[in-house]
Structures are given as structure tokens and as C-alpha cells.
Amino acid sequence: MIVVKTAREVQRMQDACTLSARALKLAGEMVEPGVSTYEIDAAVRKFIEGEGGVPSTLGYEGYPASTCISVNSVVVHGIPSKKIILRSGDIVSIDIMAGMHGYHGDNAYTYACGDISREAQRLLKVTEESLYEGIKAALAGNRVGDISSAVQRYVEARSYGVVREFTGHGVGANLHEEPSIPNFGTPGRGPRLIPGMTIAIEPMITAGGHRTRTLDDGWTAVTVDGSLAAHFEHTVCITPDGPRIMTLP
């Protein structure tokens, strides 16, 4: 069931989204050679809890950390670890979800660690731009497929792969709500977008093929061909006046 929020519910949710965005900004500022993903995760947890929020991923379906930090060929759900030390040239996708007032915010960004290759720079640029192509299509009266196809067209026209196994989603009192928001699809298909819907739009794009596999830890998803992957995400509210990005710090 798709949950349409009242104006009051959207305002309460906005606090969670702003907290998520602030936490993501903090995490991004820590991305530099020599830093472990565990250190970033610990700092984010301390910040969120210090602001009166909760790290939404911690314990979610057994997930063991407060952030998802995915390096290079890891697409999503990378588990922070003291053993994962960032190096110059890495690309680092950080996905953060914070809860406050009974609602959640969800956002992600892929950061450059030190000097990265031109290939990696272009992947990050195209993936971030595809997010905003999707957001532009998130208009009241449109359908989910309009968002999906906008992302897919933009990415595939530039010869990148669109991950199929993981999608965006509704977000609100629950971390994952209906509808699913794939990054591929057909215009005019899927649920209609209604004012008051709050959705996470999150392109996950690869420099090679779109296929992924999950490692033995049950969480970490990597590209099958070992190609680089990038991930950008905003929580967006559908309004009569157009999409409103809720995850701005």
C-alpha cells in the first residue's frame, strides 16, 4: 500500500531527512586516504544519536552498522570495517538513513577519495546527473515509470549499466515503503505519483555490465564484472508545484 502523507507528517519527516543529509555531509568530509570505513560509521552514529535521532540501518533486518559504505566495485550495502582502509583513487558510496519523530530520511552520495581516474570522474558525474533527471520526472500526475525511464535513458545513452536488482522506494514511517522506484522502465507505467508521496530516488550505475552478486556476508553487493559502481540518492516529496528534495543539509 502506498502511504500518502499529510502536510504535518511531511513536516515531521523533514527533520529526519535534514538529519540524514547533515550526517551524509559529515561522512563525506571524512573520506580521505588512510581512513577506515569503520571510523566513518562510528562518527555518523555518534552524530545522529547526539542530535536525538537513530541510525535507521542499525539492526535493520540484522544489518550490523549505522551506514552502508561501498567502495569501488561494491554497488550497495557495503558493511563498514576496520579492515577497509580508503586509498587515493577509490570512489566511496555512502548511504545514510536517519530516523527522527517516527519517520526516516534516506540519501546517498559517491565521493572521490584523493585523485581518481577520468573514468571514475565521468561515472560519478553521469550517475549524479541521472538522479536529477529522475527527480525532474517526479511530477504529480506522472507515473513511476516516468522516473525510471528518465534515469535509464540518460545513463544508457552514455554507455553505462543500470543495476536491476536494487531500486529506490517509498520512505516514511517505514524505511522501505511502496512503491518500488526502479532505475529502468517504461514511461507511463506503474503507480501514479500523488502529492504527499515521499520517495527515495537512487540510481545505482556501473561502468560496465549491470549484473550484481551478493557476497557471503549476505549484504555486500558487487558488480559481477568487477567494474566501478556509483550511487546517488535523495528523498523527494511529490507536491502540486513539483518535486521537493527533502534531503538537503
C-alpha atoms as a PDB file:
ATOM      1  CA  MET A   1       0.000   0.000   0.000  1.00  0.00           C
ATOM      2  CA  ILE A   2       1.297   3.452  -0.921  1.00  0.00           C
ATOM      3  CA  VAL A   3       1.221   5.835   2.043  1.00  0.00           C
ATOM      4  CA  VAL A   4       0.330   9.458   1.230  1.00  0.00           C
ATOM      5  CA  LYS A   5       1.452  11.825   3.987  1.00  0.00           C
ATOM      6  CA  THR A   6      -0.394  14.824   5.339  1.00  0.00           C
ATOM      7  CA  ALA A   7       1.354  18.204   5.400  1.00  0.00           C
ATOM      8  CA  ARG A   8       2.014  17.722   9.119  1.00  0.00           C
ATOM      9  CA  GLU A   9       3.528  14.289   8.538  1.00  0.00           C
ATOM     10  CA  VAL A  10       5.755  15.647   5.783  1.00  0.00           C
ATOM     11  CA  GLN A  11       6.989  18.365   8.119  1.00  0.00           C
ATOM     12  CA  ARG A  12       7.830  15.826  10.828  1.00  0.00           C
ATOM     13  CA  MET A  13       9.591  13.703   8.262  1.00  0.00           C
ATOM     14  CA  GLN A  14      11.563  16.719   7.072  1.00  0.00           C
ATOM     15  CA  ASP A  15      13.528  16.739  10.341  1.00  0.00           C
ATOM     16  CA  ALA A  16      14.652  13.155   9.718  1.00  0.00           C
ATOM     17  CA  CYS A  17      15.614  13.991   6.151  1.00  0.00           C
ATOM     18  CA  THR A  18      17.631  17.039   7.193  1.00  0.00           C
ATOM     19  CA  LEU A  19      19.418  14.981   9.833  1.00  0.00           C
ATOM     20  CA  SER A  20      20.216  12.307   7.234  1.00  0.00           C
ATOM     21  CA  ALA A  21      21.641  14.948   4.916  1.00  0.00           C
ATOM     22  CA  ARG A  22      23.763  16.501   7.648  1.00  0.00           C
ATOM     23  CA  ALA A  23      25.103  13.080   8.615  1.00  0.00           C
ATOM     24  CA  LEU A  24      25.968  12.348   4.981  1.00  0.00           C
ATOM     25  CA  LYS A  25      27.818  15.651   4.709  1.00  0.00           C
ATOM     26  CA  LEU A  26      29.848  14.743   7.808  1.00  0.00           C
ATOM     27  CA  ALA A  27      30.663  11.337   6.366  1.00  0.00           C
ATOM     28  CA  GLY A  28      31.765  12.845   3.065  1.00  0.00           C
ATOM     29  CA  GLU A  29      34.124  15.223   4.821  1.00  0.00           C
ATOM     30  CA  MET A  30      35.871  12.209   6.371  1.00  0.00           C
ATOM     31  CA  VAL A  31      36.606  10.494   3.049  1.00  0.00           C
ATOM     32  CA  GLU A  32      40.365  10.661   2.624  1.00  0.00           C
ATOM     33  CA  PRO A  33      43.243   8.202   2.242  1.00  0.00           C
ATOM     34  CA  GLY A  34      44.073   6.281   5.404  1.00  0.00           C
ATOM     35  CA  VAL A  35      40.625   6.491   6.987  1.00  0.00           C
ATOM     36  CA  SER A  36      38.750   3.249   7.641  1.00  0.00           C
ATOM     37  CA  THR A  37      35.094   2.868   6.777  1.00  0.00           C
ATOM     38  CA  TYR A  38      34.564   1.834  10.412  1.00  0.00           C
ATOM     39  CA  GLU A  39      35.759   5.257  11.594  1.00  0.00           C
ATOM     40  CA  ILE A  40      33.257   6.973   9.310  1.00  0.00           C
ATOM     41  CA  ASP A  41      30.447   4.733  10.506  1.00  0.00           C
ATOM     42  CA  ALA A  42      31.267   5.366  14.172  1.00  0.00           C
ATOM     43  CA  ALA A  43      31.344   9.141  13.647  1.00  0.00           C
ATOM     44  CA  VAL A  44      27.989   9.079  11.849  1.00  0.00           C
ATOM     45  CA  ARG A  45      26.346   7.037  14.589  1.00  0.00           C
ATOM     46  CA  LYS A  46      27.665   9.395  17.280  1.00  0.00           C
ATOM     47  CA  PHE A  47      26.415  12.422  15.333  1.00  0.00           C
ATOM     48  CA  ILE A  48      22.925  11.061  14.636  1.00  0.00           C
ATOM     49  CA  GLU A  49      22.384   9.915  18.197  1.00  0.00           C
ATOM     50  CA  GLY A  50      23.779  13.188  19.527  1.00  0.00           C
ATOM     51  CA  GLU A  51      21.111  15.029  17.546  1.00  0.00           C
ATOM     52  CA  GLY A  52      18.343  12.938  19.067  1.00  0.00           C
ATOM     53  CA  GLY A  53      17.924  10.616  16.095  1.00  0.00           C
ATOM     54  CA  VAL A  54      18.531   6.951  15.424  1.00  0.00           C
ATOM     55  CA  PRO A  55      20.628   5.321  12.672  1.00  0.00           C
ATOM     56  CA  SER A  56      17.858   3.591  10.755  1.00  0.00           C
ATOM     57  CA  THR A  57      20.011   0.816   9.284  1.00  0.00           C
ATOM     58  CA  LEU A  58      21.492  -0.330  12.592  1.00  0.00           C
ATOM     59  CA  GLY A  59      19.856  -3.693  13.278  1.00  0.00           C
ATOM     60  CA  TYR A  60      17.507  -3.381  10.280  1.00  0.00           C
ATOM     61  CA  GLU A  61      16.875  -6.990   9.215  1.00  0.00           C
ATOM     62  CA  GLY A  62      20.111  -7.806  11.042  1.00  0.00           C
ATOM     63  CA  TYR A  63      22.313  -5.214   9.339  1.00  0.00           C
ATOM     64  CA  PRO A  64      25.243  -4.546  11.710  1.00  0.00           C
ATOM     65  CA  ALA A  65      26.134  -0.890  11.067  1.00  0.00           C
ATOM     66  CA  SER A  66      24.801   2.677  11.019  1.00  0.00           C
ATOM     67  CA  THR A  67      25.818   3.348   7.404  1.00  0.00           C
ATOM     68  CA  CYS A  68      26.356   1.476   4.157  1.00  0.00           C
ATOM     69  CA  ILE A  69      29.787   2.306   2.716  1.00  0.00           C
ATOM     70  CA  SER A  70      30.526   0.791  -0.684  1.00  0.00           C
ATOM     71  CA  VAL A  71      33.972   1.157  -2.256  1.00  0.00           C
ATOM     72  CA  ASN A  72      34.808   0.872  -5.972  1.00  0.00           C
ATOM     73  CA  SER A  73      33.056  -2.242  -7.375  1.00  0.00           C
ATOM     74  CA  VAL A  74      30.702  -2.532  -4.386  1.00  0.00           C
ATOM     75  CA  VAL A  75      27.304  -1.314  -5.561  1.00  0.00           C
ATOM     76  CA  VAL A  76      25.383  -1.058  -2.271  1.00  0.00           C
ATOM     77  CA  HIS A  77      25.235  -2.368   1.304  1.00  0.00           C
ATOM     78  CA  GLY A  78      28.968  -2.412   1.956  1.00  0.00           C
ATOM     79  CA  ILE A  79      29.490  -3.114   5.668  1.00  0.00           C
ATOM     80  CA  PRO A  80      31.909  -0.697   7.376  1.00  0.00           C
ATOM     81  CA  SER A  81      35.027  -2.370   8.711  1.00  0.00           C
ATOM     82  CA  LYS A  82      38.315  -1.545  10.425  1.00  0.00           C
ATOM     83  CA  LYS A  83      39.948  -3.611   7.675  1.00  0.00           C
ATOM     84  CA  ILE A  84      38.692  -1.400   4.840  1.00  0.00           C
ATOM     85  CA  ILE A  85      41.155   1.488   4.636  1.00  0.00           C
ATOM     86  CA  LEU A  86      40.443   4.096   1.971  1.00  0.00           C
ATOM     87  CA  ARG A  87      43.141   4.763  -0.609  1.00  0.00           C
ATOM     88  CA  SER A  88      43.680   7.577  -3.074  1.00  0.00           C
ATOM     89  CA  GLY A  89      41.806   6.715  -6.271  1.00  0.00           C
ATOM     90  CA  ASP A  90      38.898   4.985  -4.537  1.00  0.00           C
ATOM     91  CA  ILE A  91      35.304   6.001  -5.107  1.00  0.00           C
ATOM     92  CA  VAL A  92      33.250   5.709  -1.939  1.00  0.00           C
ATOM     93  CA  SER A  93      29.455   5.450  -1.939  1.00  0.00           C
ATOM     94  CA  ILE A  94      27.918   6.306   1.426  1.00  0.00           C
ATOM     95  CA  ASP A  95      24.241   5.609   2.079  1.00  0.00           C
ATOM     96  CA  ILE A  96      22.764   7.032   5.284  1.00  0.00           C
ATOM     97  CA  MET A  97      19.283   6.704   6.745  1.00  0.00           C
ATOM     98  CA  ALA A  98      18.366   8.511   9.948  1.00  0.00           C
ATOM     99  CA  GLY A  99      15.164   8.306  11.964  1.00  0.00           C
ATOM    100  CA  MET A 100      13.504  11.063  13.987  1.00  0.00           C
ATOM    101  CA  HIS A 101       9.930  11.672  15.220  1.00  0.00           C
ATOM    102  CA  GLY A 102       8.947   8.223  13.938  1.00  0.00           C
ATOM    103  CA  TYR A 103       9.997   8.961  10.335  1.00  0.00           C
ATOM    104  CA  HIS A 104      13.066   8.271   8.227  1.00  0.00           C
ATOM    105  CA  GLY A 105      15.211  10.149   5.732  1.00  0.00           C
ATOM    106  CA  ASP A 106      17.360   8.384   3.147  1.00  0.00           C
ATOM    107  CA  ASN A 107      20.208   9.721   0.999  1.00  0.00           C
ATOM    108  CA  ALA A 108      23.451   8.663  -0.643  1.00  0.00           C
ATOM    109  CA  TYR A 109      26.429  10.192  -2.412  1.00  0.00           C
ATOM    110  CA  THR A 110      29.548   8.780  -4.053  1.00  0.00           C
ATOM    111  CA  TYR A 111      32.716  10.611  -3.029  1.00  0.00           C
ATOM    112  CA  ALA A 112      36.148  10.742  -4.626  1.00  0.00           C
ATOM    113  CA  CYS A 113      38.978   9.736  -2.311  1.00  0.00           C
ATOM    114  CA  GLY A 114      42.026  11.739  -3.342  1.00  0.00           C
ATOM    115  CA  ASP A 115      42.752  11.808  -7.061  1.00  0.00           C
ATOM    116  CA  ILE A 116      40.501   9.498  -9.060  1.00  0.00           C
ATOM    117  CA  SER A 117      40.688   8.397 -12.685  1.00  0.00           C
ATOM    118  CA  ARG A 118      38.892  10.172 -15.506  1.00  0.00           C
ATOM    119  CA  GLU A 119      36.747   7.069 -15.924  1.00  0.00           C
ATOM    120  CA  ALA A 120      35.661   7.307 -12.301  1.00  0.00           C
ATOM    121  CA  GLN A 121      35.061  11.057 -12.554  1.00  0.00           C
ATOM    122  CA  ARG A 122      32.766  10.577 -15.526  1.00  0.00           C
ATOM    123  CA  LEU A 123      30.877   7.735 -13.836  1.00  0.00           C
ATOM    124  CA  LEU A 124      30.200   9.927 -10.803  1.00  0.00           C
ATOM    125  CA  LYS A 125      29.113  12.845 -12.979  1.00  0.00           C
ATOM    126  CA  VAL A 126      26.708  10.794 -15.095  1.00  0.00           C
ATOM    127  CA  THR A 127      25.224   8.980 -12.090  1.00  0.00           C
ATOM    128  CA  GLU A 128      24.579  12.200 -10.182  1.00  0.00           C
ATOM    129  CA  GLU A 129      23.081  13.841 -13.261  1.00  0.00           C
ATOM    130  CA  SER A 130      20.810  10.823 -13.789  1.00  0.00           C
ATOM    131  CA  LEU A 131      19.449  11.306 -10.261  1.00  0.00           C
ATOM    132  CA  TYR A 132      18.317  14.813 -11.151  1.00  0.00           C
ATOM    133  CA  GLU A 133      16.844  13.579 -14.440  1.00  0.00           C
ATOM    134  CA  GLY A 134      14.746  11.193 -12.366  1.00  0.00           C
ATOM    135  CA  ILE A 135      13.762  13.913  -9.916  1.00  0.00           C
ATOM    136  CA  LYS A 136      12.639  16.183 -12.781  1.00  0.00           C
ATOM    137  CA  ALA A 137      10.205  13.449 -13.833  1.00  0.00           C
ATOM    138  CA  ALA A 138       8.765  13.106 -10.299  1.00  0.00           C
ATOM    139  CA  LEU A 139       5.742  15.265 -11.079  1.00  0.00           C
ATOM    140  CA  ALA A 140       2.248  14.862  -9.675  1.00  0.00           C
ATOM    141  CA  GLY A 141       0.195  13.035 -12.304  1.00  0.00           C
ATOM    142  CA  ASN A 142       3.207  11.246 -13.780  1.00  0.00           C
ATOM    143  CA  ARG A 143       3.860   7.588 -13.080  1.00  0.00           C
ATOM    144  CA  VAL A 144       6.782   5.755 -11.510  1.00  0.00           C
ATOM    145  CA  GLY A 145       7.830   4.557 -14.959  1.00  0.00           C
ATOM    146  CA  ASP A 146       8.453   8.151 -15.994  1.00  0.00           C
ATOM    147  CA  ILE A 147      11.126   8.441 -13.291  1.00  0.00           C
ATOM    148  CA  SER A 148      12.572   5.045 -14.132  1.00  0.00           C
ATOM    149  CA  SER A 149      12.800   5.657 -17.856  1.00  0.00           C
ATOM    150  CA  ALA A 150      14.304   9.129 -17.379  1.00  0.00           C
ATOM    151  CA  VAL A 151      17.196   7.611 -15.412  1.00  0.00           C
ATOM    152  CA  GLN A 152      17.651   4.703 -17.784  1.00  0.00           C
ATOM    153  CA  ARG A 153      17.632   6.800 -20.959  1.00  0.00           C
ATOM    154  CA  TYR A 154      20.176   9.249 -19.569  1.00  0.00           C
ATOM    155  CA  VAL A 155      22.550   6.546 -18.334  1.00  0.00           C
ATOM    156  CA  GLU A 156      22.382   4.115 -21.225  1.00  0.00           C
ATOM    157  CA  ALA A 157      22.822   6.909 -23.780  1.00  0.00           C
ATOM    158  CA  ARG A 158      26.238   7.374 -22.157  1.00  0.00           C
ATOM    159  CA  SER A 159      27.062   3.651 -22.276  1.00  0.00           C
ATOM    160  CA  TYR A 160      26.783   2.854 -18.571  1.00  0.00           C
ATOM    161  CA  GLY A 161      24.961  -0.022 -16.893  1.00  0.00           C
ATOM    162  CA  VAL A 162      21.788   0.345 -14.824  1.00  0.00           C
ATOM    163  CA  VAL A 163      21.565  -2.050 -11.867  1.00  0.00           C
ATOM    164  CA  ARG A 164      18.331  -4.053 -11.893  1.00  0.00           C
ATOM    165  CA  GLU A 165      18.421  -5.941  -8.588  1.00  0.00           C
ATOM    166  CA  PHE A 166      18.143  -2.872  -6.334  1.00  0.00           C
ATOM    167  CA  THR A 167      15.711   0.010  -6.628  1.00  0.00           C
ATOM    168  CA  GLY A 168      14.505   3.183  -4.992  1.00  0.00           C
ATOM    169  CA  HIS A 169      11.400   3.021  -2.830  1.00  0.00           C
ATOM    170  CA  GLY A 170       8.838   4.865  -0.797  1.00  0.00           C
ATOM    171  CA  VAL A 171      10.048   6.093   2.578  1.00  0.00           C
ATOM    172  CA  GLY A 172       8.296   7.459   5.650  1.00  0.00           C
ATOM    173  CA  ALA A 173       7.339   5.851   8.950  1.00  0.00           C
ATOM    174  CA  ASN A 174       8.946   2.724   7.494  1.00  0.00           C
ATOM    175  CA  LEU A 175      12.377   2.742   5.943  1.00  0.00           C
ATOM    176  CA  HIS A 176      11.110   0.922   2.868  1.00  0.00           C
ATOM    177  CA  GLU A 177       7.551   1.521   1.662  1.00  0.00           C
ATOM    178  CA  GLU A 178       5.663   1.112  -1.580  1.00  0.00           C
ATOM    179  CA  PRO A 179       6.158   1.858  -4.390  1.00  0.00           C
ATOM    180  CA  SER A 180       9.433   0.486  -5.715  1.00  0.00           C
ATOM    181  CA  ILE A 181      11.250   3.019  -7.915  1.00  0.00           C
ATOM    182  CA  PRO A 182      13.369   1.091 -10.451  1.00  0.00           C
ATOM    183  CA  ASN A 183      16.065   2.888 -12.423  1.00  0.00           C
ATOM    184  CA  PHE A 184      14.814   1.300 -15.633  1.00  0.00           C
ATOM    185  CA  GLY A 185      11.344   1.104 -17.092  1.00  0.00           C
ATOM    186  CA  THR A 186       8.705   2.364 -19.475  1.00  0.00           C
ATOM    187  CA  PRO A 187       7.159   5.850 -19.446  1.00  0.00           C
ATOM    188  CA  GLY A 188       3.515   5.932 -18.411  1.00  0.00           C
ATOM    189  CA  ARG A 189       3.695   2.658 -16.481  1.00  0.00           C
ATOM    190  CA  GLY A 190       3.462   1.968 -12.772  1.00  0.00           C
ATOM    191  CA  PRO A 191       1.718   3.744  -9.880  1.00  0.00           C
ATOM    192  CA  ARG A 192       0.652   7.336 -10.376  1.00  0.00           C
ATOM    193  CA  LEU A 193       2.529   9.993  -8.400  1.00  0.00           C
ATOM    194  CA  ILE A 194       0.278  11.840  -5.937  1.00  0.00           C
ATOM    195  CA  PRO A 195       1.023  14.924  -3.794  1.00  0.00           C
ATOM    196  CA  GLY A 196       2.086  13.755  -0.346  1.00  0.00           C
ATOM    197  CA  MET A 197       4.022  10.731  -1.582  1.00  0.00           C
ATOM    198  CA  THR A 198       7.604  10.619  -0.295  1.00  0.00           C
ATOM    199  CA  ILE A 199      10.032   8.511  -2.299  1.00  0.00           C
ATOM    200  CA  ALA A 200      13.733   7.721  -2.405  1.00  0.00           C
ATOM    201  CA  ILE A 201      15.120   8.021  -5.926  1.00  0.00           C
ATOM    202  CA  GLU A 202      18.523   6.334  -6.112  1.00  0.00           C
ATOM    203  CA  PRO A 203      20.338   5.476  -9.342  1.00  0.00           C
ATOM    204  CA  MET A 204      22.927   2.711  -8.918  1.00  0.00           C
ATOM    205  CA  ILE A 205      25.065   2.782 -12.047  1.00  0.00           C
ATOM    206  CA  THR A 206      28.077   0.785 -13.226  1.00  0.00           C
ATOM    207  CA  ALA A 207      30.927   1.462 -15.614  1.00  0.00           C
ATOM    208  CA  GLY A 208      30.375  -1.984 -17.130  1.00  0.00           C
ATOM    209  CA  GLY A 209      27.608  -4.570 -17.086  1.00  0.00           C
ATOM    210  CA  HIS A 210      24.536  -4.212 -14.898  1.00  0.00           C
ATOM    211  CA  ARG A 211      24.686  -7.641 -13.205  1.00  0.00           C
ATOM    212  CA  THR A 212      25.476  -7.885  -9.491  1.00  0.00           C
ATOM    213  CA  ARG A 213      26.091 -10.622  -6.942  1.00  0.00           C
ATOM    214  CA  THR A 214      25.878 -10.626  -3.158  1.00  0.00           C
ATOM    215  CA  LEU A 215      28.881 -11.748  -1.111  1.00  0.00           C
ATOM    216  CA  ASP A 216      28.785 -14.404   1.606  1.00  0.00           C
ATOM    217  CA  ASP A 217      28.058 -11.810   4.312  1.00  0.00           C
ATOM    218  CA  GLY A 218      24.537 -11.624   2.872  1.00  0.00           C
ATOM    219  CA  TRP A 219      24.688  -7.861   2.337  1.00  0.00           C
ATOM    220  CA  THR A 220      27.577  -6.613   0.198  1.00  0.00           C
ATOM    221  CA  ALA A 221      26.503  -6.381  -3.452  1.00  0.00           C
ATOM    222  CA  VAL A 222      29.267  -6.118  -6.058  1.00  0.00           C
ATOM    223  CA  THR A 223      29.387  -5.882  -9.841  1.00  0.00           C
ATOM    224  CA  VAL A 224      29.843  -9.303 -11.446  1.00  0.00           C
ATOM    225  CA  ASP A 225      32.436  -7.966 -13.890  1.00  0.00           C
ATOM    226  CA  GLY A 226      34.381  -6.004 -11.267  1.00  0.00           C
ATOM    227  CA  SER A 227      33.528  -2.645 -12.828  1.00  0.00           C
ATOM    228  CA  LEU A 228      33.210   0.527 -10.762  1.00  0.00           C
ATOM    229  CA  ALA A 229      29.780   1.444  -9.376  1.00  0.00           C
ATOM    230  CA  ALA A 230      28.293   4.734  -8.170  1.00  0.00           C
ATOM    231  CA  HIS A 231      25.194   5.530  -6.108  1.00  0.00           C
ATOM    232  CA  PHE A 232      23.402   8.843  -5.578  1.00  0.00           C
ATOM    233  CA  GLU A 233      20.103   9.301  -3.731  1.00  0.00           C
ATOM    234  CA  HIS A 234      17.649  11.886  -2.430  1.00  0.00           C
ATOM    235  CA  THR A 235      14.358  11.585  -0.587  1.00  0.00           C
ATOM    236  CA  VAL A 236      11.779  13.554  -2.570  1.00  0.00           C
ATOM    237  CA  CYS A 237       8.266  14.720  -1.736  1.00  0.00           C
ATOM    238  CA  ILE A 238       5.716  14.923  -4.540  1.00  0.00           C
ATOM    239  CA  THR A 239       3.918  18.284  -4.363  1.00  0.00           C
ATOM    240  CA  PRO A 240       1.410  20.098  -6.621  1.00  0.00           C
ATOM    241  CA  ASP A 241       4.225  22.510  -7.509  1.00  0.00           C
ATOM    242  CA  GLY A 242       6.775  19.883  -8.463  1.00  0.00           C
ATOM    243  CA  PRO A 243       9.217  17.577  -6.663  1.00  0.00           C
ATOM    244  CA  ARG A 244      10.788  18.861  -3.450  1.00  0.00           C
ATOM    245  CA  ILE A 245      14.125  17.426  -2.360  1.00  0.00           C
ATOM    246  CA  MET A 246      13.907  16.771   1.373  1.00  0.00           C
ATOM    247  CA  THR A 247      17.491  15.594   1.973  1.00  0.00           C
ATOM    248  CA  LEU A 248      19.365  18.866   1.765  1.00  0.00           C
ATOM    249  CA  PRO A 249      21.732  19.611   4.694  1.00  0.00           C
END
